[in-house]
Amino acid sequence: MEHEQILRINELARKKKTVGLTPEETEEQAALRKQYISEYRANVEAQLRNVLVEQEDGTYKPLVKKG
């Protein structure tokens, strides 16, 4: 996500607290938040794929996603 998009999310959040948002701005805010959250989750999952857990016998195994 680009820096300008993050600034826009913050700008819309401040405007919502002060004067409120138009329906178009509300839709824009929802879309930007959805994109931000999906990119954040993808980054966390990528980090977790690189995590190895040491087993009792001294070997290392990658984390396994449940369900």
N, C-alpha and C. Protein backbone atom coordinates (compact mmCIF):
# COMPACT_ATOMS: atom_id res chain seq x y z
N MET A 1 0.84 -1.16 0.00
CA MET A 1 0.00 0.00 0.00
C MET A 1 0.89 1.23 0.00
N GLU A 2 0.57 2.16 -0.83
CA GLU A 2 1.38 3.37 -0.94
C GLU A 2 1.13 4.33 0.22
N HIS A 3 2.12 5.15 0.47
CA HIS A 3 2.06 6.08 1.59
C HIS A 3 0.87 7.04 1.44
N GLU A 4 0.58 7.46 0.22
CA GLU A 4 -0.54 8.38 -0.01
C GLU A 4 -1.86 7.74 0.38
N GLN A 5 -2.00 6.45 0.16
CA GLN A 5 -3.23 5.75 0.51
C GLN A 5 -3.40 5.69 2.03
N ILE A 6 -2.31 5.47 2.73
CA ILE A 6 -2.37 5.44 4.20
C ILE A 6 -2.73 6.83 4.73
N LEU A 7 -2.15 7.86 4.13
CA LEU A 7 -2.50 9.21 4.54
C LEU A 7 -3.98 9.49 4.29
N ARG A 8 -4.51 8.98 3.18
CA ARG A 8 -5.93 9.18 2.87
C ARG A 8 -6.82 8.46 3.89
N ILE A 9 -6.43 7.25 4.30
CA ILE A 9 -7.18 6.53 5.34
C ILE A 9 -7.24 7.38 6.61
N ASN A 10 -6.10 7.92 7.01
CA ASN A 10 -6.04 8.74 8.22
C ASN A 10 -6.85 10.03 8.08
N GLU A 11 -6.79 10.62 6.90
CA GLU A 11 -7.55 11.84 6.64
C GLU A 11 -9.05 11.57 6.75
N LEU A 12 -9.50 10.48 6.16
CA LEU A 12 -10.92 10.14 6.23
C LEU A 12 -11.35 9.83 7.66
N ALA A 13 -10.47 9.18 8.43
CA ALA A 13 -10.79 8.87 9.83
C ALA A 13 -10.96 10.15 10.64
N ARG A 14 -10.06 11.12 10.42
CA ARG A 14 -10.18 12.40 11.14
C ARG A 14 -11.46 13.14 10.72
N LYS A 15 -11.75 13.12 9.43
CA LYS A 15 -12.95 13.82 8.95
C LYS A 15 -14.22 13.17 9.51
N LYS A 16 -14.20 11.84 9.61
CA LYS A 16 -15.37 11.13 10.14
C LYS A 16 -15.65 11.55 11.58
N LYS A 17 -14.59 11.77 12.35
CA LYS A 17 -14.75 12.17 13.76
C LYS A 17 -15.23 13.61 13.90
N THR A 18 -14.87 14.46 12.94
CA THR A 18 -15.20 15.87 13.08
C THR A 18 -16.51 16.26 12.39
N VAL A 19 -16.57 16.10 11.07
CA VAL A 19 -17.75 16.59 10.34
C VAL A 19 -18.57 15.48 9.71
N GLY A 20 -18.05 14.28 9.68
CA GLY A 20 -18.77 13.17 9.06
C GLY A 20 -18.35 12.98 7.60
N LEU A 21 -18.72 11.84 7.05
CA LEU A 21 -18.34 11.50 5.69
C LEU A 21 -19.55 11.42 4.78
N THR A 22 -19.33 11.71 3.52
CA THR A 22 -20.38 11.51 2.52
C THR A 22 -20.46 10.02 2.22
N PRO A 23 -21.53 9.56 1.59
CA PRO A 23 -21.61 8.13 1.23
C PRO A 23 -20.45 7.67 0.34
N GLU A 24 -20.00 8.54 -0.56
CA GLU A 24 -18.87 8.18 -1.42
C GLU A 24 -17.59 8.02 -0.61
N GLU A 25 -17.38 8.91 0.34
CA GLU A 25 -16.19 8.83 1.19
C GLU A 25 -16.24 7.61 2.10
N THR A 26 -17.43 7.26 2.56
CA THR A 26 -17.58 6.06 3.38
C THR A 26 -17.20 4.82 2.59
N GLU A 27 -17.63 4.74 1.34
CA GLU A 27 -17.26 3.61 0.48
C GLU A 27 -15.77 3.59 0.21
N GLU A 28 -15.19 4.76 -0.03
CA GLU A 28 -13.75 4.84 -0.27
C GLU A 28 -12.98 4.38 0.97
N GLN A 29 -13.42 4.82 2.14
CA GLN A 29 -12.76 4.43 3.38
C GLN A 29 -12.82 2.92 3.58
N ALA A 30 -13.98 2.33 3.33
CA ALA A 30 -14.13 0.88 3.49
C ALA A 30 -13.22 0.13 2.53
N ALA A 31 -13.14 0.59 1.29
CA ALA A 31 -12.29 -0.08 0.29
C ALA A 31 -10.82 0.03 0.67
N LEU A 32 -10.40 1.21 1.12
CA LEU A 32 -9.00 1.40 1.51
C LEU A 32 -8.65 0.56 2.73
N ARG A 33 -9.56 0.50 3.69
CA ARG A 33 -9.31 -0.32 4.89
C ARG A 33 -9.22 -1.80 4.53
N LYS A 34 -10.10 -2.25 3.64
CA LYS A 34 -10.09 -3.65 3.22
C LYS A 34 -8.76 -3.99 2.54
N GLN A 35 -8.29 -3.10 1.68
CA GLN A 35 -7.01 -3.32 1.00
C GLN A 35 -5.86 -3.34 2.01
N TYR A 36 -5.88 -2.39 2.96
CA TYR A 36 -4.82 -2.32 3.97
C TYR A 36 -4.77 -3.60 4.79
N ILE A 37 -5.92 -4.08 5.23
CA ILE A 37 -5.99 -5.28 6.07
C ILE A 37 -5.52 -6.51 5.29
N SER A 38 -5.92 -6.63 4.04
CA SER A 38 -5.49 -7.80 3.26
C SER A 38 -3.99 -7.79 3.03
N GLU A 39 -3.40 -6.62 2.77
CA GLU A 39 -1.95 -6.54 2.61
C GLU A 39 -1.23 -6.80 3.92
N TYR A 40 -1.78 -6.33 5.02
CA TYR A 40 -1.18 -6.56 6.33
C TYR A 40 -1.17 -8.06 6.65
N ARG A 41 -2.29 -8.73 6.41
CA ARG A 41 -2.37 -10.17 6.66
C ARG A 41 -1.40 -10.94 5.79
N ALA A 42 -1.27 -10.54 4.53
CA ALA A 42 -0.34 -11.21 3.62
C ALA A 42 1.10 -11.06 4.12
N ASN A 43 1.44 -9.89 4.64
CA ASN A 43 2.78 -9.68 5.18
C ASN A 43 3.04 -10.54 6.41
N VAL A 44 2.06 -10.63 7.29
CA VAL A 44 2.21 -11.45 8.50
C VAL A 44 2.35 -12.93 8.12
N GLU A 45 1.53 -13.39 7.18
CA GLU A 45 1.63 -14.78 6.74
C GLU A 45 2.98 -15.07 6.11
N ALA A 46 3.51 -14.12 5.35
CA ALA A 46 4.83 -14.31 4.74
C ALA A 46 5.91 -14.42 5.81
N GLN A 47 5.81 -13.62 6.85
CA GLN A 47 6.77 -13.70 7.94
C GLN A 47 6.67 -15.03 8.67
N LEU A 48 5.44 -15.49 8.91
CA LEU A 48 5.26 -16.74 9.64
C LEU A 48 5.72 -17.95 8.83
N ARG A 49 5.69 -17.85 7.50
CA ARG A 49 6.20 -18.96 6.68
C ARG A 49 7.70 -19.16 6.87
N ASN A 50 8.39 -18.12 7.33
CA ASN A 50 9.83 -18.21 7.54
C ASN A 50 10.21 -18.57 8.97
N VAL A 51 9.23 -18.81 9.82
CA VAL A 51 9.49 -19.16 11.22
C VAL A 51 9.66 -20.66 11.34
N LEU A 52 10.71 -21.06 12.03
CA LEU A 52 10.96 -22.48 12.31
C LEU A 52 10.85 -22.70 13.82
N VAL A 53 10.26 -23.82 14.19
CA VAL A 53 10.08 -24.16 15.60
C VAL A 53 11.00 -25.32 15.93
N GLU A 54 11.79 -25.16 16.99
CA GLU A 54 12.70 -26.22 17.40
C GLU A 54 11.91 -27.31 18.11
N GLN A 55 12.10 -28.54 17.68
CA GLN A 55 11.43 -29.68 18.28
C GLN A 55 12.26 -30.21 19.45
N GLU A 56 11.69 -31.13 20.21
CA GLU A 56 12.40 -31.68 21.37
C GLU A 56 13.67 -32.40 20.99
N ASP A 57 13.69 -33.00 19.78
CA ASP A 57 14.89 -33.73 19.36
C ASP A 57 15.95 -32.82 18.73
N GLY A 58 15.73 -31.52 18.71
CA GLY A 58 16.72 -30.58 18.21
C GLY A 58 16.53 -30.20 16.75
N THR A 59 15.59 -30.82 16.05
CA THR A 59 15.34 -30.46 14.66
C THR A 59 14.41 -29.24 14.60
N TYR A 60 14.38 -28.64 13.45
CA TYR A 60 13.52 -27.47 13.23
C TYR A 60 12.49 -27.80 12.18
N LYS A 61 11.26 -27.40 12.46
CA LYS A 61 10.17 -27.61 11.52
C LYS A 61 9.41 -26.30 11.32
N PRO A 62 8.92 -26.07 10.12
CA PRO A 62 8.15 -24.83 9.88
C PRO A 62 6.79 -24.89 10.58
N LEU A 63 6.25 -23.74 10.82
CA LEU A 63 4.90 -23.66 11.39
C LEU A 63 3.90 -24.23 10.39
N VAL A 64 2.86 -24.85 10.91
CA VAL A 64 1.81 -25.44 10.07
C VAL A 64 0.52 -24.69 10.37
N LYS A 65 -0.15 -24.24 9.32
CA LYS A 65 -1.40 -23.53 9.48
C LYS A 65 -2.50 -24.51 9.86
N LYS A 66 -3.25 -24.19 10.91
CA LYS A 66 -4.35 -25.06 11.34
C LYS A 66 -5.57 -24.85 10.44
N GLY A 67 -6.32 -25.92 10.31
CA GLY A 67 -7.59 -25.90 9.62
C GLY A 67 -7.52 -25.27 8.31
